[in-house]
Amino acid sequence: MDADFADFVRRRGDHHLRTAVLLTGDWHTAEDLVQSCLGKLYQVWQRLDTSSEPDAYLRRILVNTYRSWWRARWRREIPRAELPELPGPGDLGDARAVAEDVRNALAKLPVRQRTALVLRFFADLPEAEVADLMGCSAGTVKSHTHRGLQAMRRLISPETVVNRTEEEGSGIR
C-alpha cells in the first residue's frame, strides 16, 4: 500500500468519517460511504498532485457518491432482534446530549439542506465551493442553508445551548 495514502487516511480519515456521519445521518452508512470513497481515491492516488492536501478531492467524492446513492434510493434496513434501549436524558454528558440533538435534527432535514449545512458549517467551506460540490448555484446553497437553519431552530429545543460564547450568549446561530 502506498505510504502517502496510508498516512493521509490516518491523519484525515476520522475527519471525513465525521463529515460522512453528518451527511448520511447514520454511522454505519457513513462508514460504508467513506470506505467506498477511499477506494475510489486510492484508484487515482498515483495521478493526483498530493503535494497539496487531497481533502477537497475526497470531499467531492463523498458528496457525489452520497448523492448518487440517494438518487438511487439506496437504503438499507438494519434488522435487529431487539430494539436498543435509548439512554435517558441524564445518562449522557451535556455536550454529548447536545451533539445527539443536533445529529437527530440534521437527520430529519432533506438531503440537500443537510448537505449544505454540513459543508458550510462543519467543513467550513465557502458558498461557492459548496455550490460546486452540490452541483448548483451559490443562491441555491444560500436557500438550502437558510431553510435548513430555520428547520434546525424548530427541531432543537430553545433551552438547548448549541453555540455559546461569552460575547454572543447562547442559542443556534
Protein backbone atom coordinates (compact mmCIF):
# COMPACT_ATOMS: atom_id res chain seq x y z
CA MET A 1 0.00 0.00 0.00
CA ASP A 2 1.25 3.48 -0.81
CA ALA A 3 2.71 5.02 2.36
CA ASP A 4 1.49 8.52 1.44
CA PHE A 5 -2.06 7.26 1.02
CA ALA A 6 -1.95 5.35 4.31
CA ASP A 7 -0.58 8.42 6.06
CA PHE A 8 -3.37 10.59 4.59
CA VAL A 9 -6.03 8.12 5.76
CA ARG A 10 -4.53 8.01 9.27
CA ARG A 11 -4.37 11.82 9.51
CA ARG A 12 -7.66 12.80 7.86
CA GLY A 13 -9.82 9.66 7.88
CA ASP A 14 -11.65 10.50 11.11
CA HIS A 15 -12.48 13.99 9.88
CA HIS A 16 -14.01 12.65 6.68
CA LEU A 17 -15.86 9.95 8.62
CA ARG A 18 -17.44 12.64 10.85
CA THR A 19 -18.41 14.59 7.74
CA ALA A 20 -19.99 11.46 6.27
CA VAL A 21 -21.90 10.77 9.51
CA LEU A 22 -23.40 14.24 9.34
CA LEU A 23 -24.22 13.85 5.64
CA THR A 24 -25.87 10.45 5.98
CA GLY A 25 -27.29 10.67 9.48
CA ASP A 26 -26.19 7.10 10.16
CA TRP A 27 -22.84 5.85 11.43
CA HIS A 28 -22.89 2.55 9.53
CA THR A 29 -23.88 4.16 6.23
CA ALA A 30 -21.17 6.77 6.78
CA GLU A 31 -18.55 4.04 7.28
CA ASP A 32 -19.66 2.38 4.04
CA LEU A 33 -19.59 5.72 2.25
CA VAL A 34 -16.08 6.59 3.46
CA GLN A 35 -14.77 3.12 2.64
CA SER A 36 -16.22 3.31 -0.86
CA CYS A 37 -14.80 6.81 -1.39
CA LEU A 38 -11.36 5.87 -0.08
CA GLY A 39 -11.34 3.00 -2.57
CA LYS A 40 -12.12 5.45 -5.38
CA LEU A 41 -9.46 7.84 -4.11
CA TYR A 42 -6.85 5.08 -3.93
CA GLN A 43 -7.51 4.15 -7.57
CA VAL A 44 -6.46 7.65 -8.69
CA TRP A 45 -3.93 8.39 -5.93
CA GLN A 46 -0.88 7.98 -8.19
CA ARG A 47 -2.28 10.52 -10.69
CA LEU A 48 -3.14 13.14 -8.04
CA ASP A 49 -0.90 16.02 -7.08
CA THR A 50 -0.56 15.04 -3.44
CA SER A 51 1.79 17.90 -2.61
CA SER A 52 -1.34 19.84 -1.72
CA GLU A 53 -3.84 18.20 0.59
CA PRO A 54 -6.28 15.94 -1.27
CA ASP A 55 -9.11 16.77 1.17
CA ALA A 56 -11.08 18.70 -1.43
CA TYR A 57 -10.88 15.80 -3.87
CA LEU A 58 -12.07 13.29 -1.25
CA ARG A 59 -14.82 15.67 -0.12
CA ARG A 60 -16.07 15.90 -3.72
CA ILE A 61 -16.05 12.09 -3.98
CA LEU A 62 -18.00 11.88 -0.68
CA VAL A 63 -20.70 14.30 -1.80
CA ASN A 64 -21.03 12.84 -5.30
CA THR A 65 -21.11 9.24 -4.11
CA TYR A 66 -23.67 10.03 -1.43
CA ARG A 67 -25.74 11.97 -3.93
CA SER A 68 -25.70 9.02 -6.33
CA TRP A 69 -26.67 6.63 -3.51
CA TRP A 70 -29.50 8.93 -2.51
CA ARG A 71 -30.72 9.32 -6.09
CA ALA A 72 -30.77 5.57 -6.49
CA ARG A 73 -32.81 5.39 -3.28
CA TRP A 74 -30.03 3.40 -1.69
CA ARG A 75 -31.44 2.49 1.65
CA ARG A 76 -30.55 -0.33 3.95
CA GLU A 77 -32.54 -1.51 6.89
CA ILE A 78 -30.68 -2.98 9.79
CA PRO A 79 -32.78 -5.79 11.22
CA ARG A 80 -32.49 -6.30 14.95
CA ALA A 81 -33.94 -8.93 17.21
CA GLU A 82 -34.43 -6.42 20.00
CA LEU A 83 -34.80 -2.68 19.96
CA PRO A 84 -31.89 -0.89 21.60
CA GLU A 85 -32.58 0.90 24.84
CA LEU A 86 -32.39 4.63 24.43
CA PRO A 87 -30.43 6.47 27.10
CA GLY A 88 -32.36 8.74 29.42
CA PRO A 89 -31.77 12.48 29.34
CA GLY A 90 -29.44 12.33 32.36
CA ASP A 91 -27.36 9.43 31.04
CA LEU A 92 -25.17 11.48 28.72
CA GLY A 93 -22.97 14.45 29.39
CA ASP A 94 -24.37 17.79 28.27
CA ALA A 95 -22.05 18.06 25.29
CA ARG A 96 -22.94 14.58 24.05
CA ALA A 97 -26.63 15.24 24.53
CA VAL A 98 -26.42 18.46 22.52
CA ALA A 99 -24.42 16.69 19.81
CA GLU A 100 -27.07 13.96 19.69
CA ASP A 101 -29.85 16.57 19.42
CA VAL A 102 -28.02 18.26 16.54
CA ARG A 103 -27.40 14.94 14.73
CA ASN A 104 -31.06 13.94 15.17
CA ALA A 105 -32.23 17.31 13.85
CA LEU A 106 -29.83 17.04 10.89
CA ALA A 107 -31.16 13.57 10.11
CA LYS A 108 -34.69 14.97 9.80
CA LEU A 109 -33.69 17.56 7.20
CA PRO A 110 -33.98 16.96 3.46
CA VAL A 111 -30.73 15.70 1.96
CA ARG A 112 -29.85 18.92 0.10
CA GLN A 113 -30.38 21.11 3.20
CA ARG A 114 -28.36 18.72 5.35
CA THR A 115 -25.56 18.64 2.77
CA ALA A 116 -25.46 22.45 2.57
CA LEU A 117 -25.35 22.82 6.37
CA VAL A 118 -22.66 20.17 6.87
CA LEU A 119 -20.42 21.55 4.15
CA ARG A 120 -20.93 25.20 5.17
CA PHE A 121 -20.65 24.89 8.94
CA PHE A 122 -18.88 21.60 9.73
CA ALA A 123 -16.45 21.54 6.82
CA ASP A 124 -16.35 25.39 6.89
CA LEU A 125 -16.43 25.73 3.11
CA PRO A 126 -17.37 28.94 1.30
CA GLU A 127 -20.71 29.06 -0.53
CA ALA A 128 -19.05 28.93 -3.95
CA GLU A 129 -17.23 25.69 -3.14
CA VAL A 130 -20.36 24.14 -1.62
CA ALA A 131 -22.29 25.12 -4.75
CA ASP A 132 -19.64 23.47 -6.90
CA LEU A 133 -19.71 20.29 -4.80
CA MET A 134 -23.51 20.14 -4.81
CA GLY A 135 -23.79 20.93 -8.50
CA CYS A 136 -25.97 24.01 -8.03
CA SER A 137 -25.71 27.80 -7.83
CA ALA A 138 -24.49 29.77 -4.82
CA GLY A 139 -28.01 31.19 -4.47
CA THR A 140 -29.41 27.67 -4.16
CA VAL A 141 -26.84 26.92 -1.46
CA LYS A 142 -27.95 30.07 0.39
CA SER A 143 -31.59 28.97 0.13
CA HIS A 144 -30.85 25.45 1.37
CA THR A 145 -28.71 26.84 4.19
CA HIS A 146 -31.38 29.35 5.24
CA ARG A 147 -34.19 26.78 5.17
CA GLY A 148 -32.02 24.22 6.93
CA LEU A 149 -31.16 26.64 9.75
CA GLN A 150 -34.82 27.56 10.14
CA ALA A 151 -35.73 23.89 10.39
CA MET A 152 -32.92 23.26 12.89
CA ARG A 153 -34.25 26.10 15.06
CA ARG A 154 -37.67 24.45 15.06
CA LEU A 155 -36.31 20.95 15.69
CA ILE A 156 -33.94 21.77 18.55
CA SER A 157 -35.44 22.91 21.82
CA PRO A 158 -34.85 26.61 22.63
CA GLU A 159 -33.50 25.56 26.02
CA THR A 160 -30.70 23.60 24.33
CA VAL A 161 -27.50 25.62 24.14
CA VAL A 162 -25.82 24.75 20.85
CA ASN A 163 -23.28 27.55 20.45
CA ARG A 164 -22.08 29.61 23.34
CA THR A 165 -19.52 32.34 23.50
CA GLU A 166 -19.20 34.95 26.19
CA GLU A 167 -19.90 37.79 23.75
CA GLU A 168 -22.80 36.22 21.89
CA GLY A 169 -24.76 34.48 24.63
CA SER A 170 -26.26 31.20 23.55
CA GLY A 171 -28.61 29.64 21.04
CA ILE A 172 -28.49 28.40 17.48
CA ARG A 173 -26.91 30.82 15.09
